[in-house]
Amino acid sequence: ARGFPGNGMDTDAQDDVPTTSRLLEDIRRRLLRAFQRAVPRAGSRRAREAAEAAAEAASEERGWARVEGALAGLRAELLEMRFQNRRLARTLLDLNMKMQQLKKEYELEMAWESQGPEDNAGN
């Protein structure tokens, strides 16, 4: 199951973020180089604007990749918290049942002792 200790799912989502960021950065650099080669050194304003727009788009994609990575980490933590919540609820139910059992045993013992020694001699 995802998000539980030892399965590596929560760290896998976080490990993908740097890889994705590096990949997007590499794509951004390649796009910039392609635009620079396509435009003569004097360069037109339109080509520079296109290169800047491509760089901005790549930067925005990196931002979204970071957000998605953070969301994946939060989902994993939420699953872990849900698992711990269920385990705690189960433990509380078990403790409640044990307390009820001990209460009944105590009440029976008190009733037996309240009968007195003469009543208990016959038992």
PDB file of N, CA and C in Angstrom:
ATOM      1  N   ALA A   1       0.839  -1.198   0.000  1.00  0.00           N
ATOM      2  CA  ALA A   1       0.000   0.000   0.000  1.00  0.00           C
ATOM      3  C   ALA A   1       0.867   1.238   0.000  1.00  0.00           C
ATOM      4  N   ARG A   2       0.334   2.273  -0.600  1.00  0.00           N
ATOM      5  CA  ARG A   2       1.113   3.516  -0.702  1.00  0.00           C
ATOM      6  C   ARG A   2       1.180   4.223   0.629  1.00  0.00           C
ATOM      7  N   GLY A   3       2.312   4.884   0.869  1.00  0.00           N
ATOM      8  CA  GLY A   3       2.413   5.798   1.987  1.00  0.00           C
ATOM      9  C   GLY A   3       2.720   5.172   3.322  1.00  0.00           C
ATOM     10  N   PHE A   4       2.896   3.868   3.345  1.00  0.00           N
ATOM     11  CA  PHE A   4       3.191   3.236   4.614  1.00  0.00           C
ATOM     12  C   PHE A   4       4.691   3.135   4.786  1.00  0.00           C
ATOM     13  N   PRO A   5       5.153   3.161   6.024  1.00  0.00           N
ATOM     14  CA  PRO A   5       6.601   3.155   6.267  1.00  0.00           C
ATOM     15  C   PRO A   5       7.245   1.932   5.643  1.00  0.00           C
ATOM     16  N   GLY A   6       8.368   2.140   5.038  1.00  0.00           N
ATOM     17  CA  GLY A   6       9.147   1.041   4.526  1.00  0.00           C
ATOM     18  C   GLY A   6       8.832   0.651   3.096  1.00  0.00           C
ATOM     19  N   ASN A   7       7.764   1.177   2.500  1.00  0.00           N
ATOM     20  CA  ASN A   7       7.468   0.765   1.141  1.00  0.00           C
ATOM     21  C   ASN A   7       8.106   1.674   0.100  1.00  0.00           C
ATOM     22  N   GLY A   8       8.594   2.835   0.512  1.00  0.00           N
ATOM     23  CA  GLY A   8       9.323   3.726  -0.374  1.00  0.00           C
ATOM     24  C   GLY A   8       8.461   4.580  -1.278  1.00  0.00           C
ATOM     25  N   MET A   9       7.156   4.475  -1.205  1.00  0.00           N
ATOM     26  CA  MET A   9       6.293   5.238  -2.103  1.00  0.00           C
ATOM     27  C   MET A   9       6.368   6.739  -1.842  1.00  0.00           C
ATOM     28  N   ASP A  10       6.424   7.126  -0.576  1.00  0.00           N
ATOM     29  CA  ASP A  10       6.445   8.553  -0.283  1.00  0.00           C
ATOM     30  C   ASP A  10       7.761   9.180  -0.725  1.00  0.00           C
ATOM     31  N   THR A  11       8.857   8.438  -0.649  1.00  0.00           N
ATOM     32  CA  THR A  11      10.135   8.994  -1.084  1.00  0.00           C
ATOM     33  C   THR A  11      10.262   8.937  -2.596  1.00  0.00           C
ATOM     34  N   ASP A  12       9.609   7.957  -3.259  1.00  0.00           N
ATOM     35  CA  ASP A  12       9.672   7.877  -4.709  1.00  0.00           C
ATOM     36  C   ASP A  12       9.080   9.120  -5.343  1.00  0.00           C
ATOM     37  N   ALA A  13       7.949   9.579  -4.824  1.00  0.00           N
ATOM     38  CA  ALA A  13       7.303  10.777  -5.371  1.00  0.00           C
ATOM     39  C   ALA A  13       8.216  11.985  -5.218  1.00  0.00           C
ATOM     40  N   GLN A  14       8.896  12.074  -4.091  1.00  0.00           N
ATOM     41  CA  GLN A  14       9.785  13.206  -3.854  1.00  0.00           C
ATOM     42  C   GLN A  14      11.049  13.087  -4.694  1.00  0.00           C
ATOM     43  N   ASP A  15      11.519  11.848  -4.946  1.00  0.00           N
ATOM     44  CA  ASP A  15      12.718  11.649  -5.749  1.00  0.00           C
ATOM     45  C   ASP A  15      12.476  12.009  -7.206  1.00  0.00           C
ATOM     46  N   ASP A  16      11.236  11.902  -7.694  1.00  0.00           N
ATOM     47  CA  ASP A  16      10.925  12.214  -9.079  1.00  0.00           C
ATOM     48  C   ASP A  16      10.989  13.708  -9.361  1.00  0.00           C
ATOM     49  N   VAL A  17      10.782  14.540  -8.361  1.00  0.00           N
ATOM     50  CA  VAL A  17      10.747  15.994  -8.564  1.00  0.00           C
ATOM     51  C   VAL A  17      12.085  16.519  -9.078  1.00  0.00           C
ATOM     52  N   PRO A  18      13.233  16.200  -8.451  1.00  0.00           N
ATOM     53  CA  PRO A  18      14.501  16.712  -8.990  1.00  0.00           C
ATOM     54  C   PRO A  18      14.771  16.196 -10.404  1.00  0.00           C
ATOM     55  N   THR A  19      14.418  14.945 -10.676  1.00  0.00           N
ATOM     56  CA  THR A  19      14.630  14.383 -12.003  1.00  0.00           C
ATOM     57  C   THR A  19      13.787  15.128 -13.020  1.00  0.00           C
ATOM     58  N   THR A  20      12.542  15.377 -12.696  1.00  0.00           N
ATOM     59  CA  THR A  20      11.649  16.112 -13.588  1.00  0.00           C
ATOM     60  C   THR A  20      12.161  17.529 -13.792  1.00  0.00           C
ATOM     61  N   SER A  21      12.603  18.171 -12.731  1.00  0.00           N
ATOM     62  CA  SER A  21      13.123  19.535 -12.843  1.00  0.00           C
ATOM     63  C   SER A  21      14.351  19.577 -13.742  1.00  0.00           C
ATOM     64  N   ARG A  22      15.243  18.604 -13.582  1.00  0.00           N
ATOM     65  CA  ARG A  22      16.438  18.567 -14.437  1.00  0.00           C
ATOM     66  C   ARG A  22      16.045  18.356 -15.897  1.00  0.00           C
ATOM     67  N   LEU A  23      15.071  17.488 -16.127  1.00  0.00           N
ATOM     68  CA  LEU A  23      14.621  17.224 -17.487  1.00  0.00           C
ATOM     69  C   LEU A  23      14.017  18.484 -18.106  1.00  0.00           C
ATOM     70  N   LEU A  24      13.180  19.165 -17.360  1.00  0.00           N
ATOM     71  CA  LEU A  24      12.570  20.397 -17.875  1.00  0.00           C
ATOM     72  C   LEU A  24      13.618  21.486 -18.112  1.00  0.00           C
ATOM     73  N   GLU A  25      14.596  21.579 -17.233  1.00  0.00           N
ATOM     74  CA  GLU A  25      15.670  22.561 -17.410  1.00  0.00           C
ATOM     75  C   GLU A  25      16.464  22.250 -18.679  1.00  0.00           C
ATOM     76  N   ASP A  26      16.717  20.965 -18.931  1.00  0.00           N
ATOM     77  CA  ASP A  26      17.435  20.565 -20.138  1.00  0.00           C
ATOM     78  C   ASP A  26      16.624  20.922 -21.383  1.00  0.00           C
ATOM     79  N   ILE A  27      15.325  20.680 -21.350  1.00  0.00           N
ATOM     80  CA  ILE A  27      14.460  21.034 -22.482  1.00  0.00           C
ATOM     81  C   ILE A  27      14.466  22.542 -22.704  1.00  0.00           C
ATOM     82  N   ARG A  28      14.409  23.314 -21.612  1.00  0.00           N
ATOM     83  CA  ARG A  28      14.431  24.775 -21.725  1.00  0.00           C
ATOM     84  C   ARG A  28      15.714  25.234 -22.415  1.00  0.00           C
ATOM     85  N   ARG A  29      16.855  24.674 -21.972  1.00  0.00           N
ATOM     86  CA  ARG A  29      18.137  25.062 -22.578  1.00  0.00           C
ATOM     87  C   ARG A  29      18.174  24.715 -24.066  1.00  0.00           C
ATOM     88  N   ARG A  30      17.680  23.539 -24.413  1.00  0.00           N
ATOM     89  CA  ARG A  30      17.680  23.133 -25.825  1.00  0.00           C
ATOM     90  C   ARG A  30      16.801  24.053 -26.669  1.00  0.00           C
ATOM     91  N   LEU A  31      15.644  24.413 -26.108  1.00  0.00           N
ATOM     92  CA  LEU A  31      14.768  25.340 -26.836  1.00  0.00           C
ATOM     93  C   LEU A  31      15.450  26.686 -27.051  1.00  0.00           C
ATOM     94  N   LEU A  32      16.087  27.192 -26.015  1.00  0.00           N
ATOM     95  CA  LEU A  32      16.789  28.473 -26.148  1.00  0.00           C
ATOM     96  C   LEU A  32      17.876  28.394 -27.214  1.00  0.00           C
ATOM     97  N   ARG A  33      18.662  27.313 -27.195  1.00  0.00           N
ATOM     98  CA  ARG A  33      19.719  27.155 -28.199  1.00  0.00           C
ATOM     99  C   ARG A  33      19.130  27.058 -29.600  1.00  0.00           C
ATOM    100  N   ALA A  34      18.033  26.320 -29.735  1.00  0.00           N
ATOM    101  CA  ALA A  34      17.407  26.176 -31.054  1.00  0.00           C
ATOM    102  C   ALA A  34      16.921  27.525 -31.571  1.00  0.00           C
ATOM    103  N   PHE A  35      16.303  28.311 -30.702  1.00  0.00           N
ATOM    104  CA  PHE A  35      15.848  29.638 -31.117  1.00  0.00           C
ATOM    105  C   PHE A  35      17.030  30.541 -31.450  1.00  0.00           C
ATOM    106  N   GLN A  36      18.096  30.449 -30.676  1.00  0.00           N
ATOM    107  CA  GLN A  36      19.257  31.301 -30.924  1.00  0.00           C
ATOM    108  C   GLN A  36      19.916  30.948 -32.254  1.00  0.00           C
ATOM    109  N   ARG A  37      19.974  29.653 -32.581  1.00  0.00           N
ATOM    110  CA  ARG A  37      20.572  29.249 -33.851  1.00  0.00           C
ATOM    111  C   ARG A  37      19.690  29.636 -35.033  1.00  0.00           C
ATOM    112  N   ALA A  38      18.381  29.580 -34.830  1.00  0.00           N
ATOM    113  CA  ALA A  38      17.449  29.873 -35.924  1.00  0.00           C
ATOM    114  C   ALA A  38      17.437  31.356 -36.273  1.00  0.00           C
ATOM    115  N   VAL A  39      17.810  32.188 -35.341  1.00  0.00           N
ATOM    116  CA  VAL A  39      17.763  33.637 -35.546  1.00  0.00           C
ATOM    117  C   VAL A  39      19.190  34.145 -35.738  1.00  0.00           C
ATOM    118  N   PRO A  40      19.412  34.958 -36.761  1.00  0.00           N
ATOM    119  CA  PRO A  40      20.757  35.534 -36.928  1.00  0.00           C
ATOM    120  C   PRO A  40      21.160  36.332 -35.689  1.00  0.00           C
ATOM    121  N   ARG A  41      22.460  36.574 -35.542  1.00  0.00           N
ATOM    122  CA  ARG A  41      22.982  37.261 -34.354  1.00  0.00           C
ATOM    123  C   ARG A  41      22.287  38.602 -34.116  1.00  0.00           C
ATOM    124  N   ALA A  42      21.984  39.305 -35.174  1.00  0.00           N
ATOM    125  CA  ALA A  42      21.296  40.580 -34.996  1.00  0.00           C
ATOM    126  C   ALA A  42      19.938  40.326 -34.352  1.00  0.00           C
ATOM    127  N   GLY A  43      19.341  39.189 -34.700  1.00  0.00           N
ATOM    128  CA  GLY A  43      18.119  38.710 -34.066  1.00  0.00           C
ATOM    129  C   GLY A  43      16.956  39.670 -34.140  1.00  0.00           C
ATOM    130  N   SER A  44      15.829  39.130 -34.429  1.00  0.00           N
ATOM    131  CA  SER A  44      14.639  39.967 -34.436  1.00  0.00           C
ATOM    132  C   SER A  44      14.022  39.988 -33.043  1.00  0.00           C
ATOM    133  N   ARG A  45      13.298  41.016 -32.787  1.00  0.00           N
ATOM    134  CA  ARG A  45      12.642  41.164 -31.484  1.00  0.00           C
ATOM    135  C   ARG A  45      11.641  40.031 -31.270  1.00  0.00           C
ATOM    136  N   ARG A  46      10.970  39.653 -32.337  1.00  0.00           N
ATOM    137  CA  ARG A  46       9.968  38.596 -32.245  1.00  0.00           C
ATOM    138  C   ARG A  46      10.612  37.263 -31.830  1.00  0.00           C
ATOM    139  N   ALA A  47      11.775  36.964 -32.376  1.00  0.00           N
ATOM    140  CA  ALA A  47      12.465  35.715 -32.036  1.00  0.00           C
ATOM    141  C   ALA A  47      12.911  35.722 -30.577  1.00  0.00           C
ATOM    142  N   ARG A  48      13.430  36.872 -30.120  1.00  0.00           N
ATOM    143  CA  ARG A  48      13.839  36.962 -28.708  1.00  0.00           C
ATOM    144  C   ARG A  48      12.636  36.771 -27.790  1.00  0.00           C
ATOM    145  N   GLU A  49      11.513  37.391 -28.171  1.00  0.00           N
ATOM    146  CA  GLU A  49      10.302  37.251 -27.359  1.00  0.00           C
ATOM    147  C   GLU A  49       9.834  35.796 -27.330  1.00  0.00           C
ATOM    148  N   ALA A  50       9.957  35.116 -28.474  1.00  0.00           N
ATOM    149  CA  ALA A  50       9.564  33.705 -28.532  1.00  0.00           C
ATOM    150  C   ALA A  50      10.467  32.864 -27.631  1.00  0.00           C
ATOM    151  N   ALA A  51      11.769  33.165 -27.657  1.00  0.00           N
ATOM    152  CA  ALA A  51      12.705  32.431 -26.802  1.00  0.00           C
ATOM    153  C   ALA A  51      12.404  32.691 -25.331  1.00  0.00           C
ATOM    154  N   GLU A  52      12.107  33.935 -25.007  1.00  0.00           N
ATOM    155  CA  GLU A  52      11.769  34.263 -23.619  1.00  0.00           C
ATOM    156  C   GLU A  52      10.470  33.583 -23.198  1.00  0.00           C
ATOM    157  N   ALA A  53       9.503  33.536 -24.117  1.00  0.00           N
ATOM    158  CA  ALA A  53       8.230  32.868 -23.814  1.00  0.00           C
ATOM    159  C   ALA A  53       8.452  31.376 -23.585  1.00  0.00           C
ATOM    160  N   ALA A  54       9.330  30.777 -24.399  1.00  0.00           N
ATOM    161  CA  ALA A  54       9.627  29.355 -24.225  1.00  0.00           C
ATOM    162  C   ALA A  54      10.312  29.113 -22.884  1.00  0.00           C
ATOM    163  N   ALA A  55      11.228  29.997 -22.518  1.00  0.00           N
ATOM    164  CA  ALA A  55      11.910  29.864 -21.228  1.00  0.00           C
ATOM    165  C   ALA A  55      10.916  30.023 -20.081  1.00  0.00           C
ATOM    166  N   GLU A  56       9.997  30.971 -20.218  1.00  0.00           N
ATOM    167  CA  GLU A  56       8.971  31.185 -19.191  1.00  0.00           C
ATOM    168  C   GLU A  56       8.064  29.960 -19.066  1.00  0.00           C
ATOM    169  N   ALA A  57       7.701  29.374 -20.210  1.00  0.00           N
ATOM    170  CA  ALA A  57       6.849  28.178 -20.185  1.00  0.00           C
ATOM    171  C   ALA A  57       7.568  27.023 -19.490  1.00  0.00           C
ATOM    172  N   ALA A  58       8.853  26.865 -19.782  1.00  0.00           N
ATOM    173  CA  ALA A  58       9.624  25.802 -19.132  1.00  0.00           C
ATOM    174  C   ALA A  58       9.711  26.048 -17.634  1.00  0.00           C
ATOM    175  N   SER A  59       9.895  27.297 -17.250  1.00  0.00           N
ATOM    176  CA  SER A  59       9.950  27.639 -15.827  1.00  0.00           C
ATOM    177  C   SER A  59       8.618  27.336 -15.146  1.00  0.00           C
ATOM    178  N   GLU A  60       7.531  27.662 -15.831  1.00  0.00           N
ATOM    179  CA  GLU A  60       6.202  27.383 -15.275  1.00  0.00           C
ATOM    180  C   GLU A  60       5.988  25.871 -15.124  1.00  0.00           C
ATOM    181  N   GLU A  61       6.453  25.101 -16.103  1.00  0.00           N
ATOM    182  CA  GLU A  61       6.335  23.641 -16.020  1.00  0.00           C
ATOM    183  C   GLU A  61       7.110  23.097 -14.818  1.00  0.00           C
ATOM    184  N   ARG A  62       8.294  23.662 -14.567  1.00  0.00           N
ATOM    185  CA  ARG A  62       9.069  23.226 -13.391  1.00  0.00           C
ATOM    186  C   ARG A  62       8.295  23.525 -12.117  1.00  0.00           C
ATOM    187  N   GLY A  63       7.655  24.702 -12.093  1.00  0.00           N
ATOM    188  CA  GLY A  63       6.852  25.063 -10.926  1.00  0.00           C
ATOM    189  C   GLY A  63       5.714  24.078 -10.711  1.00  0.00           C
ATOM    190  N   TRP A  64       5.028  23.716 -11.801  1.00  0.00           N
ATOM    191  CA  TRP A  64       3.935  22.746 -11.681  1.00  0.00           C
ATOM    192  C   TRP A  64       4.464  21.387 -11.246  1.00  0.00           C
ATOM    193  N   ALA A  65       5.641  21.008 -11.737  1.00  0.00           N
ATOM    194  CA  ALA A  65       6.222  19.720 -11.333  1.00  0.00           C
ATOM    195  C   ALA A  65       6.503  19.717  -9.833  1.00  0.00           C
ATOM    196  N   ARG A  66       6.986  20.838  -9.300  1.00  0.00           N
ATOM    197  CA  ARG A  66       7.229  20.929  -7.855  1.00  0.00           C
ATOM    198  C   ARG A  66       5.924  20.830  -7.076  1.00  0.00           C
ATOM    199  N   VAL A  67       4.889  21.500  -7.570  1.00  0.00           N
ATOM    200  CA  VAL A  67       3.583  21.454  -6.897  1.00  0.00           C
ATOM    201  C   VAL A  67       3.045  20.024  -6.908  1.00  0.00           C
ATOM    202  N   GLU A  68       3.127  19.370  -8.060  1.00  0.00           N
ATOM    203  CA  GLU A  68       2.636  17.998  -8.153  1.00  0.00           C
ATOM    204  C   GLU A  68       3.433  17.064  -7.244  1.00  0.00           C
ATOM    205  N   GLY A  69       4.729  17.283  -7.150  1.00  0.00           N
ATOM    206  CA  GLY A  69       5.549  16.478  -6.242  1.00  0.00           C
ATOM    207  C   GLY A  69       5.148  16.689  -4.793  1.00  0.00           C
ATOM    208  N   ALA A  70       4.895  17.938  -4.439  1.00  0.00           N
ATOM    209  CA  ALA A  70       4.466  18.236  -3.067  1.00  0.00           C
ATOM    210  C   ALA A  70       3.112  17.598  -2.778  1.00  0.00           C
ATOM    211  N   LEU A  71       2.199  17.653  -3.748  1.00  0.00           N
ATOM    212  CA  LEU A  71       0.883  17.026  -3.564  1.00  0.00           C
ATOM    213  C   LEU A  71       1.011  15.516  -3.395  1.00  0.00           C
ATOM    214  N   ALA A  72       1.898  14.906  -4.156  1.00  0.00           N
ATOM    215  CA  ALA A  72       2.105  13.461  -4.017  1.00  0.00           C
ATOM    216  C   ALA A  72       2.621  13.132  -2.619  1.00  0.00           C
ATOM    217  N   GLY A  73       3.527  13.951  -2.110  1.00  0.00           N
ATOM    218  CA  GLY A  73       4.028  13.737  -0.749  1.00  0.00           C
ATOM    219  C   GLY A  73       2.930  13.900   0.287  1.00  0.00           C
ATOM    220  N   LEU A  74       2.068  14.896   0.108  1.00  0.00           N
ATOM    221  CA  LEU A  74       0.954  15.108   1.043  1.00  0.00           C
ATOM    222  C   LEU A  74      -0.045  13.958   0.987  1.00  0.00           C
ATOM    223  N   ARG A  75      -0.295  13.436  -0.214  1.00  0.00           N
ATOM    224  CA  ARG A  75      -1.198  12.281  -0.326  1.00  0.00           C
ATOM    225  C   ARG A  75      -0.632  11.082   0.433  1.00  0.00           C
ATOM    226  N   ALA A  76       0.661  10.857   0.303  1.00  0.00           N
ATOM    227  CA  ALA A  76       1.292   9.743   1.009  1.00  0.00           C
ATOM    228  C   ALA A  76       1.179   9.931   2.522  1.00  0.00           C
ATOM    229  N   GLU A  77       1.393  11.145   2.992  1.00  0.00           N
ATOM    230  CA  GLU A  77       1.258  11.416   4.431  1.00  0.00           C
ATOM    231  C   GLU A  77      -0.173  11.222   4.893  1.00  0.00           C
ATOM    232  N   LEU A  78      -1.136  11.635   4.082  1.00  0.00           N
ATOM    233  CA  LEU A  78      -2.545  11.476   4.435  1.00  0.00           C
ATOM    234  C   LEU A  78      -2.917   9.999   4.541  1.00  0.00           C
ATOM    235  N   LEU A  79      -2.423   9.188   3.620  1.00  0.00           N
ATOM    236  CA  LEU A  79      -2.680   7.751   3.698  1.00  0.00           C
ATOM    237  C   LEU A  79      -2.085   7.156   4.968  1.00  0.00           C
ATOM    238  N   GLU A  80      -0.887   7.579   5.313  1.00  0.00           N
ATOM    239  CA  GLU A  80      -0.247   7.097   6.537  1.00  0.00           C
ATOM    240  C   GLU A  80      -1.060   7.514   7.756  1.00  0.00           C
ATOM    241  N   MET A  81      -1.538   8.748   7.775  1.00  0.00           N
ATOM    242  CA  MET A  81      -2.343   9.223   8.906  1.00  0.00           C
ATOM    243  C   MET A  81      -3.652   8.438   9.002  1.00  0.00           C
ATOM    244  N   ARG A  82      -4.257   8.130   7.875  1.00  0.00           N
ATOM    245  CA  ARG A  82      -5.497   7.349   7.870  1.00  0.00           C
ATOM    246  C   ARG A  82      -5.237   5.956   8.459  1.00  0.00           C
ATOM    247  N   PHE A  83      -4.133   5.346   8.062  1.00  0.00           N
ATOM    248  CA  PHE A  83      -3.770   4.035   8.594  1.00  0.00           C
ATOM    249  C   PHE A  83      -3.573   4.108  10.110  1.00  0.00           C
ATOM    250  N   GLN A  84      -2.844   5.106  10.580  1.00  0.00           N
ATOM    251  CA  GLN A  84      -2.613   5.254  12.016  1.00  0.00           C
ATOM    252  C   GLN A  84      -3.912   5.532  12.760  1.00  0.00           C
ATOM    253  N   ASN A  85      -4.806   6.304  12.168  1.00  0.00           N
ATOM    254  CA  ASN A  85      -6.096   6.603  12.783  1.00  0.00           C
ATOM    255  C   ASN A  85      -6.916   5.326  12.967  1.00  0.00           C
ATOM    256  N   ARG A  86      -6.946   4.478  11.958  1.00  0.00           N
ATOM    257  CA  ARG A  86      -7.686   3.212  12.064  1.00  0.00           C
ATOM    258  C   ARG A  86      -7.069   2.302  13.118  1.00  0.00           C
ATOM    259  N   ARG A  87      -5.751   2.260  13.152  1.00  0.00           N
ATOM    260  CA  ARG A  87      -5.081   1.422  14.145  1.00  0.00           C
ATOM    261  C   ARG A  87      -5.377   1.933  15.551  1.00  0.00           C
ATOM    262  N   LEU A  88      -5.371   3.237  15.745  1.00  0.00           N
ATOM    263  CA  LEU A  88      -5.685   3.820  17.049  1.00  0.00           C
ATOM    264  C   LEU A  88      -7.133   3.532  17.440  1.00  0.00           C
ATOM    265  N   ALA A  89      -8.058   3.657  16.500  1.00  0.00           N
ATOM    266  CA  ALA A  89      -9.472   3.374  16.789  1.00  0.00           C
ATOM    267  C   ALA A  89      -9.645   1.918  17.207  1.00  0.00           C
ATOM    268  N   ARG A  90      -8.962   1.005  16.524  1.00  0.00           N
ATOM    269  CA  ARG A  90      -9.025  -0.414  16.878  1.00  0.00           C
ATOM    270  C   ARG A  90      -8.491  -0.637  18.292  1.00  0.00           C
ATOM    271  N   THR A  91      -7.384   0.005  18.618  1.00  0.00           N
ATOM    272  CA  THR A  91      -6.792  -0.124  19.955  1.00  0.00           C
ATOM    273  C   THR A  91      -7.746   0.407  21.018  1.00  0.00           C
ATOM    274  N   LEU A  92      -8.372   1.541  20.755  1.00  0.00           N
ATOM    275  CA  LEU A  92      -9.320   2.112  21.720  1.00  0.00           C
ATOM    276  C   LEU A  92     -10.523   1.195  21.925  1.00  0.00           C
ATOM    277  N   LEU A  93     -11.020   0.596  20.868  1.00  0.00           N
ATOM    278  CA  LEU A  93     -12.136  -0.349  21.007  1.00  0.00           C
ATOM    279  C   LEU A  93     -11.723  -1.562  21.838  1.00  0.00           C
ATOM    280  N   ASP A  94     -10.535  -2.077  21.592  1.00  0.00           N
ATOM    281  CA  ASP A  94     -10.036  -3.214  22.380  1.00  0.00           C
ATOM    282  C   ASP A  94      -9.910  -2.844  23.853  1.00  0.00           C
ATOM    283  N   LEU A  95      -9.381  -1.659  24.130  1.00  0.00           N
ATOM    284  CA  LEU A  95      -9.248  -1.217  25.523  1.00  0.00           C
ATOM    285  C   LEU A  95     -10.608  -1.051  26.184  1.00  0.00           C
ATOM    286  N   ASN A  96     -11.561  -0.519  25.466  1.00  0.00           N
ATOM    287  CA  ASN A  96     -12.906  -0.343  26.008  1.00  0.00           C
ATOM    288  C   ASN A  96     -13.529  -1.699  26.351  1.00  0.00           C
ATOM    289  N   MET A  97     -13.380  -2.661  25.458  1.00  0.00           N
ATOM    290  CA  MET A  97     -13.921  -3.997  25.735  1.00  0.00           C
ATOM    291  C   MET A  97     -13.257  -4.605  26.965  1.00  0.00           C
ATOM    292  N   LYS A  98     -11.950  -4.453  27.090  1.00  0.00           N
ATOM    293  CA  LYS A  98     -11.230  -4.991  28.248  1.00  0.00           C
ATOM    294  C   LYS A  98     -11.702  -4.302  29.528  1.00  0.00           C
ATOM    295  N   MET A  99     -11.917  -2.994  29.486  1.00  0.00           N
ATOM    296  CA  MET A  99     -12.408  -2.268  30.666  1.00  0.00           C
ATOM    297  C   MET A  99     -13.794  -2.765  31.065  1.00  0.00           C
ATOM    298  N   GLN A 100     -14.667  -3.005  30.098  1.00  0.00           N
ATOM    299  CA  GLN A 100     -16.006  -3.522  30.400  1.00  0.00           C
ATOM    300  C   GLN A 100     -15.916  -4.899  31.047  1.00  0.00           C
ATOM    301  N   GLN A 101     -15.019  -5.726  30.539  1.00  0.00           N
ATOM    302  CA  GLN A 101     -14.830  -7.067  31.100  1.00  0.00           C
ATOM    303  C   GLN A 101     -14.333  -6.976  32.541  1.00  0.00           C
ATOM    304  N   LEU A 102     -13.344  -6.123  32.791  1.00  0.00           N
ATOM    305  CA  LEU A 102     -12.815  -5.962  34.148  1.00  0.00           C
ATOM    306  C   LEU A 102     -13.877  -5.401  35.088  1.00  0.00           C
ATOM    307  N   LYS A 103     -14.708  -4.506  34.597  1.00  0.00           N
ATOM    308  CA  LYS A 103     -15.780  -3.934  35.411  1.00  0.00           C
ATOM    309  C   LYS A 103     -16.769  -5.022  35.828  1.00  0.00           C
ATOM    310  N   LYS A 104     -17.147  -5.890  34.895  1.00  0.00           N
ATOM    311  CA  LYS A 104     -18.069  -6.983  35.219  1.00  0.00           C
ATOM    312  C   LYS A 104     -17.448  -7.924  36.246  1.00  0.00           C
ATOM    313  N   GLU A 105     -16.170  -8.261  36.045  1.00  0.00           N
ATOM    314  CA  GLU A 105     -15.485  -9.137  37.003  1.00  0.00           C
ATOM    315  C   GLU A 105     -15.453  -8.503  38.387  1.00  0.00           C
ATOM    316  N   TYR A 106     -15.177  -7.222  38.444  1.00  0.00           N
ATOM    317  CA  TYR A 106     -15.122  -6.511  39.722  1.00  0.00           C
ATOM    318  C   TYR A 106     -16.494  -6.506  40.389  1.00  0.00           C
ATOM    319  N   GLU A 107     -17.535  -6.231  39.621  1.00  0.00           N
ATOM    320  CA  GLU A 107     -18.888  -6.207  40.178  1.00  0.00           C
ATOM    321  C   GLU A 107     -19.292  -7.575  40.709  1.00  0.00           C
ATOM    322  N   LEU A 108     -18.930  -8.641  40.001  1.00  0.00           N
ATOM    323  CA  LEU A 108     -19.232  -9.996  40.480  1.00  0.00           C
ATOM    324  C   LEU A 108     -18.487 -10.292  41.777  1.00  0.00           C
ATOM    325  N   GLU A 109     -17.229  -9.886  41.835  1.00  0.00           N
ATOM    326  CA  GLU A 109     -16.431 -10.105  43.043  1.00  0.00           C
ATOM    327  C   GLU A 109     -17.013  -9.326  44.218  1.00  0.00           C
ATOM    328  N   MET A 110     -17.421  -8.087  43.989  1.00  0.00           N
ATOM    329  CA  MET A 110     -18.017  -7.277  45.058  1.00  0.00           C
ATOM    330  C   MET A 110     -19.338  -7.894  45.527  1.00  0.00           C
ATOM    331  N   ALA A 111     -20.132  -8.373  44.599  1.00  0.00           N
ATOM    332  CA  ALA A 111     -21.404  -9.004  44.970  1.00  0.00           C
ATOM    333  C   ALA A 111     -21.144 -10.262  45.787  1.00  0.00           C
ATOM    334  N   TRP A 112     -20.161 -11.025  45.409  1.00  0.00           N
ATOM    335  CA  TRP A 112     -19.832 -12.262  46.122  1.00  0.00           C
ATOM    336  C   TRP A 112     -19.351 -11.940  47.535  1.00  0.00           C
ATOM    337  N   GLU A 113     -18.483 -10.914  47.661  1.00  0.00           N
ATOM    338  CA  GLU A 113     -17.961 -10.537  48.980  1.00  0.00           C
ATOM    339  C   GLU A 113     -19.040  -9.908  49.853  1.00  0.00           C
ATOM    340  N   SER A 114     -20.025  -9.252  49.272  1.00  0.00           N
ATOM    341  CA  SER A 114     -21.066  -8.596  50.067  1.00  0.00           C
ATOM    342  C   SER A 114     -22.067  -9.595  50.651  1.00  0.00           C
ATOM    343  N   GLN A 115     -22.057 -10.804  50.155  1.00  0.00           N
ATOM    344  CA  GLN A 115     -22.949 -11.823  50.700  1.00  0.00           C
ATOM    345  C   GLN A 115     -22.554 -12.186  52.127  1.00  0.00           C
ATOM    346  N   GLY A 116     -21.331 -11.949  52.451  1.00  0.00           N
ATOM    347  CA  GLY A 116     -20.854 -12.213  53.805  1.00  0.00           C
ATOM    348  C   GLY A 116     -20.258 -13.603  53.923  1.00  0.00           C
ATOM    349  N   PRO A 117     -19.464 -13.811  54.998  1.00  0.00           N
ATOM    350  CA  PRO A 117     -18.767 -15.089  55.168  1.00  0.00           C
ATOM    351  C   PRO A 117     -19.734 -16.246  55.386  1.00  0.00           C
ATOM    352  N   GLU A 118     -20.843 -15.997  56.100  1.00  0.00           N
ATOM    353  CA  GLU A 118     -21.765 -17.103  56.348  1.00  0.00           C
ATOM    354  C   GLU A 118     -22.449 -17.555  55.065  1.00  0.00           C
ATOM    355  N   ASP A 119     -22.747 -16.593  54.155  1.00  0.00           N
ATOM    356  CA  ASP A 119     -23.368 -16.959  52.885  1.00  0.00           C
ATOM    357  C   ASP A 119     -22.373 -17.660  51.976  1.00  0.00           C
ATOM    358  N   ASN A 120     -21.093 -17.231  52.035  1.00  0.00           N
ATOM    359  CA  ASN A 120     -20.059 -17.800  51.177  1.00  0.00           C
ATOM    360  C   ASN A 120     -19.667 -19.198  51.618  1.00  0.00           C
ATOM    361  N   ALA A 121     -19.894 -19.560  52.907  1.00  0.00           N
ATOM    362  CA  ALA A 121     -19.504 -20.875  53.409  1.00  0.00           C
ATOM    363  C   ALA A 121     -20.286 -21.961  52.695  1.00  0.00           C
ATOM    364  N   GLY A 122     -21.499 -21.680  52.333  1.00  0.00           N
ATOM    365  CA  GLY A 122     -22.306 -22.654  51.623  1.00  0.00           C
ATOM    366  C   GLY A 122     -21.883 -22.816  50.181  1.00  0.00           C
ATOM    367  N   ASN A 123     -21.177 -21.867  49.639  1.00  0.00           N
ATOM    368  CA  ASN A 123     -20.780 -21.918  48.220  1.00  0.00           C
ATOM    369  C   ASN A 123     -19.518 -22.612  48.016  1.00  0.00           C
TER     370      ASN A 123
END
